[in-house]
């Protein structure tokens, strides 16, 4: 099997929890360098012995042994770091959200194409077990044509946590954060919308940036309603999807994030398995209901797809063009909120 050395820029929550474990667990990928200004060297050495820890990304950009660079830093820095890596001849994965403007995204897509390099964005929640189950149910036609799609990413976090995500700066706020996931999933299911309508809000005392939003994607005879809030103590359904032949209702979120934060690693027993109490219910047109066991989630499939793209020339597991579309929706959402009107997507 062909192996590729990987350099990871950023070792905060995203790099340490969502990227490094998946890279290490993927056959054919070797985590060789980590660049971080804040990571504890002893901590990195214990977790990943033999991996070089650099204070700046330049060492990995200059290292001819590094084939793939993963950018997992504050959102406002994604564009510059991804561009530098592409200019250094590296294949690149960027954490979501891709960049902070569709113009920046288009530029990076063109740069990668001109240089024959892979460029992809880590939209890992395409591999959530609940979303995989929903996608399979929709694809099987069990619900008939979908007319109403509601997806929530609600949490209860009344105290504003320290960190760059809560600061009033470009790329902060829940629309860029959780919104990127919800929008990507909707576009993955239904394609590009006709129009976007959105409201964003600051709900928590002391918050500097929006911590709630509701966004409607208009598909003509279908509406996709996306919602997130940091002040939902008793969440409703994660997914509520209605078609002409039935409904799909799903509570609870994918278990992988909590497992990773708790010290589990990909491949551990029960990895990605849902709680049976959270299995979805499908109700058919005649009123009969059945429980649908969740497909196990597995974020490793993203990096497995990256290896296949590098070694076999297969398409990237998430096309950078898809990520640009997510950014365009976010741009429309902010315009809609500020102008208090629906924005045509075209």
C-alpha atoms as a PDB file:
ATOM      1  CA  UNK A   1       0.000   0.000   0.000  1.00  0.00           C
ATOM      2  CA  UNK A   2       1.293   3.424  -0.927  1.00  0.00           C
ATOM      3  CA  UNK A   3       1.897   5.590   2.131  1.00  0.00           C
ATOM      4  CA  UNK A   4       1.668   9.370   2.437  1.00  0.00           C
ATOM      5  CA  UNK A   5       3.189  11.515   5.162  1.00  0.00           C
ATOM      6  CA  UNK A   6       0.775  14.040   6.643  1.00  0.00           C
ATOM      7  CA  UNK A   7       1.469  17.375   8.326  1.00  0.00           C
ATOM      8  CA  UNK A   8      -1.205  18.766  10.661  1.00  0.00           C
ATOM      9  CA  UNK A   9      -1.383  22.536  11.206  1.00  0.00           C
ATOM     10  CA  UNK A  10      -3.201  23.212  14.461  1.00  0.00           C
ATOM     11  CA  UNK A  11      -3.486  21.024  17.533  1.00  0.00           C
ATOM     12  CA  UNK A  12      -6.370  22.573  19.412  1.00  0.00           C
ATOM     13  CA  UNK A  13      -9.670  20.780  19.928  1.00  0.00           C
ATOM     14  CA  UNK A  14     -10.185  20.167  16.224  1.00  0.00           C
ATOM     15  CA  UNK A  15      -6.697  18.918  15.478  1.00  0.00           C
ATOM     16  CA  UNK A  16      -6.321  16.810  18.609  1.00  0.00           C
ATOM     17  CA  UNK A  17      -9.823  15.331  18.664  1.00  0.00           C
ATOM     18  CA  UNK A  18     -11.190  15.248  15.117  1.00  0.00           C
ATOM     19  CA  UNK A  19      -8.133  14.997  12.853  1.00  0.00           C
ATOM     20  CA  UNK A  20      -5.063  13.398  14.422  1.00  0.00           C
ATOM     21  CA  UNK A  21      -6.866  10.235  15.609  1.00  0.00           C
ATOM     22  CA  UNK A  22      -8.484   9.732  12.206  1.00  0.00           C
ATOM     23  CA  UNK A  23      -5.225  10.252  10.305  1.00  0.00           C
ATOM     24  CA  UNK A  24      -3.402   7.764  12.531  1.00  0.00           C
ATOM     25  CA  UNK A  25      -6.236   5.228  12.157  1.00  0.00           C
ATOM     26  CA  UNK A  26      -6.191   5.370   8.345  1.00  0.00           C
ATOM     27  CA  UNK A  27      -4.084   2.760   6.532  1.00  0.00           C
ATOM     28  CA  UNK A  28      -1.674   4.428   4.144  1.00  0.00           C
ATOM     29  CA  UNK A  29      -1.464   7.735   6.032  1.00  0.00           C
ATOM     30  CA  UNK A  30       1.331   8.575   8.483  1.00  0.00           C
ATOM     31  CA  UNK A  31       1.078  11.571  10.804  1.00  0.00           C
ATOM     32  CA  UNK A  32       4.636  12.903  10.517  1.00  0.00           C
ATOM     33  CA  UNK A  33       4.561  16.548  11.635  1.00  0.00           C
ATOM     34  CA  UNK A  34       2.338  18.755  13.786  1.00  0.00           C
ATOM     35  CA  UNK A  35       2.575  22.532  13.790  1.00  0.00           C
ATOM     36  CA  UNK A  36       1.150  24.281  16.858  1.00  0.00           C
ATOM     37  CA  UNK A  37       2.070  27.301  18.931  1.00  0.00           C
ATOM     38  CA  UNK A  38       0.153  26.053  21.945  1.00  0.00           C
ATOM     39  CA  UNK A  39       0.483  22.273  22.009  1.00  0.00           C
ATOM     40  CA  UNK A  40       2.360  20.729  24.918  1.00  0.00           C
ATOM     41  CA  UNK A  41       5.353  18.853  23.514  1.00  0.00           C
ATOM     42  CA  UNK A  42       5.185  16.170  26.185  1.00  0.00           C
ATOM     43  CA  UNK A  43       1.493  15.658  25.491  1.00  0.00           C
ATOM     44  CA  UNK A  44       2.092  15.261  21.760  1.00  0.00           C
ATOM     45  CA  UNK A  45       5.053  12.951  22.367  1.00  0.00           C
ATOM     46  CA  UNK A  46       2.947  10.694  24.576  1.00  0.00           C
ATOM     47  CA  UNK A  47       0.052  10.608  22.141  1.00  0.00           C
ATOM     48  CA  UNK A  48       2.098  10.344  18.941  1.00  0.00           C
ATOM     49  CA  UNK A  49       5.695   9.296  19.566  1.00  0.00           C
ATOM     50  CA  UNK A  50       7.961  10.031  16.663  1.00  0.00           C
ATOM     51  CA  UNK A  51       5.864  12.901  15.317  1.00  0.00           C
ATOM     52  CA  UNK A  52       7.773  16.172  14.956  1.00  0.00           C
ATOM     53  CA  UNK A  53       6.224  19.197  16.693  1.00  0.00           C
ATOM     54  CA  UNK A  54       6.967  22.559  15.044  1.00  0.00           C
ATOM     55  CA  UNK A  55       6.194  26.075  16.242  1.00  0.00           C
ATOM     56  CA  UNK A  56       5.305  27.255  12.725  1.00  0.00           C
ATOM     57  CA  UNK A  57       4.016  25.515   9.569  1.00  0.00           C
ATOM     58  CA  UNK A  58       7.047  26.440   7.490  1.00  0.00           C
ATOM     59  CA  UNK A  59       9.022  23.306   8.367  1.00  0.00           C
ATOM     60  CA  UNK A  60       6.345  21.004   6.990  1.00  0.00           C
ATOM     61  CA  UNK A  61       5.840  23.193   3.921  1.00  0.00           C
ATOM     62  CA  UNK A  62       9.570  22.929   3.239  1.00  0.00           C
ATOM     63  CA  UNK A  63       9.696  19.181   3.956  1.00  0.00           C
ATOM     64  CA  UNK A  64       9.613  17.207   0.670  1.00  0.00           C
ATOM     65  CA  UNK A  65       8.524  14.113   2.609  1.00  0.00           C
ATOM     66  CA  UNK A  66       5.183  15.715   3.513  1.00  0.00           C
ATOM     67  CA  UNK A  67       2.600  14.969   0.822  1.00  0.00           C
ATOM     68  CA  UNK A  68      -0.585  16.139   2.529  1.00  0.00           C
ATOM     69  CA  UNK A  69      -1.138  19.170   4.757  1.00  0.00           C
ATOM     70  CA  UNK A  70      -4.213  19.389   6.985  1.00  0.00           C
ATOM     71  CA  UNK A  71      -5.259  22.893   8.055  1.00  0.00           C
ATOM     72  CA  UNK A  72      -7.124  22.926  11.361  1.00  0.00           C
ATOM     73  CA  UNK A  73      -6.697  26.449  12.723  1.00  0.00           C
ATOM     74  CA  UNK A  74      -9.025  29.381  13.490  1.00  0.00           C
ATOM     75  CA  UNK A  75     -11.334  29.950  10.526  1.00  0.00           C
ATOM     76  CA  UNK A  76      -9.878  33.311   9.473  1.00  0.00           C
ATOM     77  CA  UNK A  77      -6.479  31.685   8.818  1.00  0.00           C
ATOM     78  CA  UNK A  78      -7.693  28.859   6.556  1.00  0.00           C
ATOM     79  CA  UNK A  79      -7.309  30.711   3.274  1.00  0.00           C
ATOM     80  CA  UNK A  80      -3.723  31.898   3.773  1.00  0.00           C
ATOM     81  CA  UNK A  81      -2.487  28.559   5.127  1.00  0.00           C
ATOM     82  CA  UNK A  82      -4.220  26.486   2.451  1.00  0.00           C
ATOM     83  CA  UNK A  83      -2.853  28.773  -0.273  1.00  0.00           C
ATOM     84  CA  UNK A  84       0.682  28.534   1.127  1.00  0.00           C
ATOM     85  CA  UNK A  85       0.447  24.746   1.258  1.00  0.00           C
ATOM     86  CA  UNK A  86      -0.819  24.502  -2.312  1.00  0.00           C
ATOM     87  CA  UNK A  87       1.914  26.858  -3.495  1.00  0.00           C
ATOM     88  CA  UNK A  88       4.413  24.571  -1.747  1.00  0.00           C
ATOM     89  CA  UNK A  89       3.117  21.671  -3.850  1.00  0.00           C
ATOM     90  CA  UNK A  90       1.197  19.919  -1.087  1.00  0.00           C
ATOM     91  CA  UNK A  91      -2.161  18.231  -1.270  1.00  0.00           C
ATOM     92  CA  UNK A  92      -4.478  19.955   1.208  1.00  0.00           C
ATOM     93  CA  UNK A  93      -7.356  19.159   3.550  1.00  0.00           C
ATOM     94  CA  UNK A  94      -9.004  22.147   5.248  1.00  0.00           C
ATOM     95  CA  UNK A  95     -11.235  21.866   8.287  1.00  0.00           C
ATOM     96  CA  UNK A  96     -14.727  23.276   7.877  1.00  0.00           C
ATOM     97  CA  UNK A  97     -15.693  25.990   7.193  1.00  0.00           C
ATOM     98  CA  UNK A  98     -13.467  26.049   4.117  1.00  0.00           C
ATOM     99  CA  UNK A  99     -12.771  29.810   3.917  1.00  0.00           C
ATOM    100  CA  UNK A 100     -14.627  33.013   4.758  1.00  0.00           C
ATOM    101  CA  UNK A 101     -15.649  34.059   1.254  1.00  0.00           C
ATOM    102  CA  UNK A 102     -16.694  32.191  -1.862  1.00  0.00           C
ATOM    103  CA  UNK A 103     -14.163  34.273  -3.842  1.00  0.00           C
ATOM    104  CA  UNK A 104     -11.344  32.890  -1.679  1.00  0.00           C
ATOM    105  CA  UNK A 105     -12.714  29.389  -2.158  1.00  0.00           C
ATOM    106  CA  UNK A 106     -12.909  29.752  -5.928  1.00  0.00           C
ATOM    107  CA  UNK A 107      -9.309  30.986  -5.969  1.00  0.00           C
ATOM    108  CA  UNK A 108      -8.052  27.971  -4.009  1.00  0.00           C
ATOM    109  CA  UNK A 109     -10.024  25.541  -6.172  1.00  0.00           C
ATOM    110  CA  UNK A 110      -8.444  27.059  -9.276  1.00  0.00           C
ATOM    111  CA  UNK A 111      -4.956  26.973  -7.725  1.00  0.00           C
ATOM    112  CA  UNK A 112      -5.294  23.299  -6.831  1.00  0.00           C
ATOM    113  CA  UNK A 113      -6.588  22.445 -10.282  1.00  0.00           C
ATOM    114  CA  UNK A 114      -3.783  24.331 -12.026  1.00  0.00           C
ATOM    115  CA  UNK A 115      -1.178  22.445 -10.023  1.00  0.00           C
ATOM    116  CA  UNK A 116      -2.809  19.013 -10.143  1.00  0.00           C
ATOM    117  CA  UNK A 117      -3.246  18.887  -6.360  1.00  0.00           C
ATOM    118  CA  UNK A 118      -5.955  17.430  -4.168  1.00  0.00           C
ATOM    119  CA  UNK A 119      -8.019  19.968  -2.233  1.00  0.00           C
ATOM    120  CA  UNK A 120     -10.781  18.801   0.074  1.00  0.00           C
ATOM    121  CA  UNK A 121     -12.699  20.024   3.130  1.00  0.00           C
ATOM    122  CA  UNK A 122     -13.329  18.003   6.287  1.00  0.00           C
ATOM    123  CA  UNK A 123     -17.128  17.871   6.383  1.00  0.00           C
ATOM    124  CA  UNK A 124     -16.954  14.932   8.761  1.00  0.00           C
ATOM    125  CA  UNK A 125     -20.624  14.928   9.709  1.00  0.00           C
ATOM    126  CA  UNK A 126     -21.527  13.398   6.383  1.00  0.00           C
ATOM    127  CA  UNK A 127     -20.317  10.288   8.238  1.00  0.00           C
ATOM    128  CA  UNK A 128     -22.488  10.725  11.323  1.00  0.00           C
ATOM    129  CA  UNK A 129     -24.510   7.578  11.900  1.00  0.00           C
ATOM    130  CA  UNK A 130     -27.807   9.467  12.032  1.00  0.00           C
ATOM    131  CA  UNK A 131     -27.142  11.218   8.724  1.00  0.00           C
ATOM    132  CA  UNK A 132     -25.987   7.999   7.042  1.00  0.00           C
ATOM    133  CA  UNK A 133     -29.233   6.359   8.169  1.00  0.00           C
ATOM    134  CA  UNK A 134     -31.340   9.259   6.924  1.00  0.00           C
ATOM    135  CA  UNK A 135     -29.536   9.369   3.582  1.00  0.00           C
ATOM    136  CA  UNK A 136     -30.062   5.636   3.067  1.00  0.00           C
ATOM    137  CA  UNK A 137     -33.762   5.922   3.946  1.00  0.00           C
ATOM    138  CA  UNK A 138     -34.290   8.823   1.547  1.00  0.00           C
ATOM    139  CA  UNK A 139     -32.310   7.123  -1.246  1.00  0.00           C
ATOM    140  CA  UNK A 140     -34.404   3.960  -0.864  1.00  0.00           C
ATOM    141  CA  UNK A 141     -37.526   5.999  -1.614  1.00  0.00           C
ATOM    142  CA  UNK A 142     -39.279   4.955   1.596  1.00  0.00           C
ATOM    143  CA  UNK A 143     -40.474   8.493   2.292  1.00  0.00           C
ATOM    144  CA  UNK A 144     -41.377   9.370  -1.284  1.00  0.00           C
ATOM    145  CA  UNK A 145     -40.499  12.832  -2.603  1.00  0.00           C
ATOM    146  CA  UNK A 146     -39.399  15.001   0.347  1.00  0.00           C
ATOM    147  CA  UNK A 147     -41.341  18.198   0.951  1.00  0.00           C
ATOM    148  CA  UNK A 148     -40.169  19.158   4.460  1.00  0.00           C
ATOM    149  CA  UNK A 149     -36.691  18.682   5.933  1.00  0.00           C
ATOM    150  CA  UNK A 150     -35.850  19.977   9.398  1.00  0.00           C
ATOM    151  CA  UNK A 151     -32.424  19.500  10.959  1.00  0.00           C
ATOM    152  CA  UNK A 152     -31.339  20.775  14.375  1.00  0.00           C
ATOM    153  CA  UNK A 153     -27.923  21.076  15.992  1.00  0.00           C
ATOM    154  CA  UNK A 154     -28.945  22.331  19.418  1.00  0.00           C
ATOM    155  CA  UNK A 155     -26.936  22.327  22.627  1.00  0.00           C
ATOM    156  CA  UNK A 156     -27.272  23.645  26.145  1.00  0.00           C
ATOM    157  CA  UNK A 157     -24.247  25.779  26.963  1.00  0.00           C
ATOM    158  CA  UNK A 158     -25.532  28.859  28.829  1.00  0.00           C
ATOM    159  CA  UNK A 159     -22.062  30.063  29.791  1.00  0.00           C
ATOM    160  CA  UNK A 160     -19.904  31.507  27.028  1.00  0.00           C
ATOM    161  CA  UNK A 161     -16.717  29.453  26.853  1.00  0.00           C
ATOM    162  CA  UNK A 162     -13.309  31.065  26.345  1.00  0.00           C
ATOM    163  CA  UNK A 163     -11.668  30.744  22.968  1.00  0.00           C
ATOM    164  CA  UNK A 164     -11.540  32.327  19.535  1.00  0.00           C
ATOM    165  CA  UNK A 165     -14.927  30.955  18.453  1.00  0.00           C
ATOM    166  CA  UNK A 166     -16.673  33.287  20.889  1.00  0.00           C
ATOM    167  CA  UNK A 167     -14.791  36.450  19.939  1.00  0.00           C
ATOM    168  CA  UNK A 168     -16.246  39.132  17.678  1.00  0.00           C
ATOM    169  CA  UNK A 169     -13.967  38.459  14.729  1.00  0.00           C
ATOM    170  CA  UNK A 170     -14.322  37.159  11.170  1.00  0.00           C
ATOM    171  CA  UNK A 171     -15.353  33.517  10.997  1.00  0.00           C
ATOM    172  CA  UNK A 172     -16.693  33.269  14.536  1.00  0.00           C
ATOM    173  CA  UNK A 173     -20.226  32.375  15.507  1.00  0.00           C
ATOM    174  CA  UNK A 174     -22.484  29.354  15.279  1.00  0.00           C
ATOM    175  CA  UNK A 175     -23.458  29.894  11.634  1.00  0.00           C
ATOM    176  CA  UNK A 176     -19.861  29.359  10.507  1.00  0.00           C
ATOM    177  CA  UNK A 177     -19.396  26.555  13.047  1.00  0.00           C
ATOM    178  CA  UNK A 178     -22.398  24.242  13.298  1.00  0.00           C
ATOM    179  CA  UNK A 179     -24.105  25.876  10.338  1.00  0.00           C
ATOM    180  CA  UNK A 180     -21.392  24.542   8.039  1.00  0.00           C
ATOM    181  CA  UNK A 181     -22.371  20.996   9.011  1.00  0.00           C
ATOM    182  CA  UNK A 182     -26.118  21.462   8.624  1.00  0.00           C
ATOM    183  CA  UNK A 183     -25.798  23.273   5.301  1.00  0.00           C
ATOM    184  CA  UNK A 184     -23.393  20.699   3.869  1.00  0.00           C
ATOM    185  CA  UNK A 185     -25.724  17.843   4.796  1.00  0.00           C
ATOM    186  CA  UNK A 186     -28.718  19.563   3.177  1.00  0.00           C
ATOM    187  CA  UNK A 187     -26.789  20.338  -0.012  1.00  0.00           C
ATOM    188  CA  UNK A 188     -25.478  16.765  -0.078  1.00  0.00           C
ATOM    189  CA  UNK A 189     -29.063  15.465  -0.004  1.00  0.00           C
ATOM    190  CA  UNK A 190     -30.854  17.982  -2.195  1.00  0.00           C
ATOM    191  CA  UNK A 191     -28.323  20.014  -4.177  1.00  0.00           C
ATOM    192  CA  UNK A 192     -28.224  23.800  -4.493  1.00  0.00           C
ATOM    193  CA  UNK A 193     -31.275  25.783  -3.344  1.00  0.00           C
ATOM    194  CA  UNK A 194     -33.186  28.457  -5.252  1.00  0.00           C
ATOM    195  CA  UNK A 195     -33.060  30.938  -2.391  1.00  0.00           C
ATOM    196  CA  UNK A 196     -31.973  31.438   1.222  1.00  0.00           C
ATOM    197  CA  UNK A 197     -33.790  33.091   4.114  1.00  0.00           C
ATOM    198  CA  UNK A 198     -32.145  33.394   7.531  1.00  0.00           C
ATOM    199  CA  UNK A 199     -32.213  34.962  10.951  1.00  0.00           C
ATOM    200  CA  UNK A 200     -29.282  34.930  13.356  1.00  0.00           C
ATOM    201  CA  UNK A 201     -29.316  35.971  16.999  1.00  0.00           C
ATOM    202  CA  UNK A 202     -27.275  36.428  20.147  1.00  0.00           C
ATOM    203  CA  UNK A 203     -29.226  34.667  22.904  1.00  0.00           C
ATOM    204  CA  UNK A 204     -26.763  34.222  25.769  1.00  0.00           C
ATOM    205  CA  UNK A 205     -25.796  36.967  28.167  1.00  0.00           C
ATOM    206  CA  UNK A 206     -22.256  38.108  27.496  1.00  0.00           C
ATOM    207  CA  UNK A 207     -21.988  36.527  24.039  1.00  0.00           C
ATOM    208  CA  UNK A 208     -20.160  38.615  21.419  1.00  0.00           C
ATOM    209  CA  UNK A 209     -21.250  36.702  18.311  1.00  0.00           C
ATOM    210  CA  UNK A 210     -24.367  34.890  17.203  1.00  0.00           C
ATOM    211  CA  UNK A 211     -25.122  31.688  19.065  1.00  0.00           C
ATOM    212  CA  UNK A 212     -28.393  30.832  17.306  1.00  0.00           C
ATOM    213  CA  UNK A 213     -29.792  30.809  13.791  1.00  0.00           C
ATOM    214  CA  UNK A 214     -32.660  29.546  11.689  1.00  0.00           C
ATOM    215  CA  UNK A 215     -32.070  29.171   7.989  1.00  0.00           C
ATOM    216  CA  UNK A 216     -34.487  28.119   5.255  1.00  0.00           C
ATOM    217  CA  UNK A 217     -33.282  26.709   1.946  1.00  0.00           C
ATOM    218  CA  UNK A 218     -35.941  27.074  -0.740  1.00  0.00           C
ATOM    219  CA  UNK A 219     -36.167  24.265  -3.298  1.00  0.00           C
ATOM    220  CA  UNK A 220     -39.554  25.231  -4.695  1.00  0.00           C
ATOM    221  CA  UNK A 221     -41.799  22.368  -3.577  1.00  0.00           C
ATOM    222  CA  UNK A 222     -39.332  21.438  -0.824  1.00  0.00           C
ATOM    223  CA  UNK A 223     -38.118  23.441   2.162  1.00  0.00           C
ATOM    224  CA  UNK A 224     -35.050  22.613   4.240  1.00  0.00           C
ATOM    225  CA  UNK A 225     -35.141  24.307   7.644  1.00  0.00           C
ATOM    226  CA  UNK A 226     -31.852  24.357   9.569  1.00  0.00           C
ATOM    227  CA  UNK A 227     -31.661  25.436  13.204  1.00  0.00           C
ATOM    228  CA  UNK A 228     -29.030  25.748  15.914  1.00  0.00           C
ATOM    229  CA  UNK A 229     -29.001  27.250  19.398  1.00  0.00           C
ATOM    230  CA  UNK A 230     -26.798  27.111  22.487  1.00  0.00           C
ATOM    231  CA  UNK A 231     -29.786  27.438  24.835  1.00  0.00           C
ATOM    232  CA  UNK A 232     -31.868  24.317  24.211  1.00  0.00           C
ATOM    233  CA  UNK A 233     -32.095  22.314  27.421  1.00  0.00           C
ATOM    234  CA  UNK A 234     -34.447  19.633  26.093  1.00  0.00           C
ATOM    235  CA  UNK A 235     -33.704  19.085  22.400  1.00  0.00           C
ATOM    236  CA  UNK A 236     -36.420  18.008  20.010  1.00  0.00           C
ATOM    237  CA  UNK A 237     -35.752  15.777  17.003  1.00  0.00           C
ATOM    238  CA  UNK A 238     -32.340  15.963  15.395  1.00  0.00           C
ATOM    239  CA  UNK A 239     -33.993  15.227  12.057  1.00  0.00           C
ATOM    240  CA  UNK A 240     -37.650  15.589  11.123  1.00  0.00           C
ATOM    241  CA  UNK A 241     -38.154  14.672   7.481  1.00  0.00           C
ATOM    242  CA  UNK A 242     -41.525  14.348   5.753  1.00  0.00           C
ATOM    243  CA  UNK A 243     -42.291  12.993   2.309  1.00  0.00           C
ATOM    244  CA  UNK A 244     -45.410  12.048   0.401  1.00  0.00           C
ATOM    245  CA  UNK A 245     -45.112   8.413   1.555  1.00  0.00           C
ATOM    246  CA  UNK A 246     -43.934   8.805   5.137  1.00  0.00           C
ATOM    247  CA  UNK A 247     -41.935  10.513   7.853  1.00  0.00           C
ATOM    248  CA  UNK A 248     -38.514  10.018   9.437  1.00  0.00           C
ATOM    249  CA  UNK A 249     -37.983  11.214  13.018  1.00  0.00           C
ATOM    250  CA  UNK A 250     -34.607  10.893  14.747  1.00  0.00           C
ATOM    251  CA  UNK A 251     -33.499  12.046  18.203  1.00  0.00           C
ATOM    252  CA  UNK A 252     -29.977  12.262  19.586  1.00  0.00           C
ATOM    253  CA  UNK A 253     -26.628  13.049  17.990  1.00  0.00           C
ATOM    254  CA  UNK A 254     -23.856  10.859  16.664  1.00  0.00           C
ATOM    255  CA  UNK A 255     -21.733   9.357  19.445  1.00  0.00           C
ATOM    256  CA  UNK A 256     -18.270   9.823  17.925  1.00  0.00           C
ATOM    257  CA  UNK A 257     -17.546  13.330  19.243  1.00  0.00           C
ATOM    258  CA  UNK A 258     -18.312  12.412  22.851  1.00  0.00           C
ATOM    259  CA  UNK A 259     -16.338   9.193  22.491  1.00  0.00           C
ATOM    260  CA  UNK A 260     -13.279  11.060  21.187  1.00  0.00           C
ATOM    261  CA  UNK A 261     -13.488  13.673  23.932  1.00  0.00           C
ATOM    262  CA  UNK A 262     -13.734  10.853  26.457  1.00  0.00           C
ATOM    263  CA  UNK A 263     -10.466   9.305  25.274  1.00  0.00           C
ATOM    264  CA  UNK A 264     -11.823   6.580  22.990  1.00  0.00           C
ATOM    265  CA  UNK A 265     -10.167   5.937  19.669  1.00  0.00           C
ATOM    266  CA  UNK A 266     -11.497   4.917  16.263  1.00  0.00           C
ATOM    267  CA  UNK A 267     -11.885   1.177  16.042  1.00  0.00           C
ATOM    268  CA  UNK A 268     -12.625   0.666  19.731  1.00  0.00           C
ATOM    269  CA  UNK A 269     -15.442  -1.773  20.466  1.00  0.00           C
ATOM    270  CA  UNK A 270     -18.785  -0.241  19.565  1.00  0.00           C
ATOM    271  CA  UNK A 271     -17.221   2.644  17.680  1.00  0.00           C
ATOM    272  CA  UNK A 272     -19.849   4.911  16.136  1.00  0.00           C
ATOM    273  CA  UNK A 273     -22.779   2.823  17.380  1.00  0.00           C
ATOM    274  CA  UNK A 274     -25.900   4.751  18.306  1.00  0.00           C
ATOM    275  CA  UNK A 275     -27.922   4.337  21.482  1.00  0.00           C
ATOM    276  CA  UNK A 276     -30.915   2.092  20.695  1.00  0.00           C
ATOM    277  CA  UNK A 277     -33.163   4.594  22.477  1.00  0.00           C
ATOM    278  CA  UNK A 278     -32.221   7.131  19.779  1.00  0.00           C
ATOM    279  CA  UNK A 279     -32.944   4.949  16.759  1.00  0.00           C
ATOM    280  CA  UNK A 280     -35.113   6.635  14.144  1.00  0.00           C
ATOM    281  CA  UNK A 281     -38.793   6.002  13.625  1.00  0.00           C
ATOM    282  CA  UNK A 282     -40.193   5.735  10.103  1.00  0.00           C
ATOM    283  CA  UNK A 283     -43.954   6.102   9.763  1.00  0.00           C
ATOM    284  CA  UNK A 284     -45.495   5.081   6.454  1.00  0.00           C
ATOM    285  CA  UNK A 285     -48.522   6.564   4.717  1.00  0.00           C
ATOM    286  CA  UNK A 286     -50.837   3.960   6.279  1.00  0.00           C
ATOM    287  CA  UNK A 287     -49.755   5.037   9.776  1.00  0.00           C
ATOM    288  CA  UNK A 288     -47.619   2.001  10.534  1.00  0.00           C
ATOM    289  CA  UNK A 289     -44.358   2.830  12.332  1.00  0.00           C
ATOM    290  CA  UNK A 290     -41.112   0.944  12.588  1.00  0.00           C
ATOM    291  CA  UNK A 291     -37.782   1.525  14.276  1.00  0.00           C
ATOM    292  CA  UNK A 292     -34.710   1.869  12.077  1.00  0.00           C
ATOM    293  CA  UNK A 293     -31.383   0.873  13.631  1.00  0.00           C
ATOM    294  CA  UNK A 294     -28.727   3.509  12.991  1.00  0.00           C
ATOM    295  CA  UNK A 295     -25.859   2.798  10.636  1.00  0.00           C
ATOM    296  CA  UNK A 296     -22.655   3.135  12.707  1.00  0.00           C
ATOM    297  CA  UNK A 297     -20.947   6.462  12.117  1.00  0.00           C
ATOM    298  CA  UNK A 298     -17.284   6.496  11.147  1.00  0.00           C
ATOM    299  CA  UNK A 299     -15.225   9.616  10.456  1.00  0.00           C
ATOM    300  CA  UNK A 300     -12.329   7.382   9.343  1.00  0.00           C
ATOM    301  CA  UNK A 301     -14.176   6.955   6.053  1.00  0.00           C
ATOM    302  CA  UNK A 302     -13.313  10.551   5.158  1.00  0.00           C
ATOM    303  CA  UNK A 303      -9.566  10.018   5.475  1.00  0.00           C
ATOM    304  CA  UNK A 304      -9.872   6.597   3.852  1.00  0.00           C
ATOM    305  CA  UNK A 305     -11.371   8.456   0.904  1.00  0.00           C
ATOM    306  CA  UNK A 306      -8.476  10.913   0.948  1.00  0.00           C
ATOM    307  CA  UNK A 307      -6.010   8.026   0.674  1.00  0.00           C
ATOM    308  CA  UNK A 308      -7.973   6.547  -2.231  1.00  0.00           C
ATOM    309  CA  UNK A 309      -7.994   9.922  -3.961  1.00  0.00           C
ATOM    310  CA  UNK A 310      -4.210  10.219  -3.615  1.00  0.00           C
ATOM    311  CA  UNK A 311      -3.307   6.623  -4.411  1.00  0.00           C
ATOM    312  CA  UNK A 312      -5.953   5.685  -6.961  1.00  0.00           C
ATOM    313  CA  UNK A 313      -7.052   9.007  -8.412  1.00  0.00           C
ATOM    314  CA  UNK A 314     -10.609   8.664  -7.121  1.00  0.00           C
ATOM    315  CA  UNK A 315     -12.674  11.790  -6.431  1.00  0.00           C
ATOM    316  CA  UNK A 316     -12.110  13.484  -3.086  1.00  0.00           C
ATOM    317  CA  UNK A 317     -14.609  12.396  -0.404  1.00  0.00           C
ATOM    318  CA  UNK A 318     -15.724  16.032  -0.170  1.00  0.00           C
ATOM    319  CA  UNK A 319     -15.127  18.182  -3.225  1.00  0.00           C
ATOM    320  CA  UNK A 320     -13.756  21.638  -2.506  1.00  0.00           C
ATOM    321  CA  UNK A 321     -16.448  22.973  -4.844  1.00  0.00           C
ATOM    322  CA  UNK A 322     -19.068  21.571  -2.439  1.00  0.00           C
ATOM    323  CA  UNK A 323     -17.446  23.514   0.382  1.00  0.00           C
ATOM    324  CA  UNK A 324     -17.507  26.714  -1.664  1.00  0.00           C
ATOM    325  CA  UNK A 325     -21.258  26.221  -2.082  1.00  0.00           C
ATOM    326  CA  UNK A 326     -21.612  25.999   1.717  1.00  0.00           C
ATOM    327  CA  UNK A 327     -19.774  29.321   2.042  1.00  0.00           C
ATOM    328  CA  UNK A 328     -22.070  30.870  -0.582  1.00  0.00           C
ATOM    329  CA  UNK A 329     -25.108  29.798   1.438  1.00  0.00           C
ATOM    330  CA  UNK A 330     -23.604  31.374   4.575  1.00  0.00           C
ATOM    331  CA  UNK A 331     -22.942  34.591   2.647  1.00  0.00           C
ATOM    332  CA  UNK A 332     -26.577  34.617   1.516  1.00  0.00           C
ATOM    333  CA  UNK A 333     -27.739  33.882   5.066  1.00  0.00           C
ATOM    334  CA  UNK A 334     -25.942  36.908   6.495  1.00  0.00           C
ATOM    335  CA  UNK A 335     -27.322  39.094   3.699  1.00  0.00           C
ATOM    336  CA  UNK A 336     -30.799  37.786   4.359  1.00  0.00           C
ATOM    337  CA  UNK A 337     -30.527  38.591   8.053  1.00  0.00           C
ATOM    338  CA  UNK A 338     -29.110  42.072   7.521  1.00  0.00           C
ATOM    339  CA  UNK A 339     -31.515  43.021   4.721  1.00  0.00           C
ATOM    340  CA  UNK A 340     -34.507  41.195   6.225  1.00  0.00           C
ATOM    341  CA  UNK A 341     -35.409  39.493   2.984  1.00  0.00           C
ATOM    342  CA  UNK A 342     -35.016  36.303   0.998  1.00  0.00           C
ATOM    343  CA  UNK A 343     -31.852  36.150  -1.113  1.00  0.00           C
ATOM    344  CA  UNK A 344     -31.806  34.386  -4.487  1.00  0.00           C
ATOM    345  CA  UNK A 345     -28.986  31.847  -4.538  1.00  0.00           C
ATOM    346  CA  UNK A 346     -28.224  31.984  -8.262  1.00  0.00           C
END
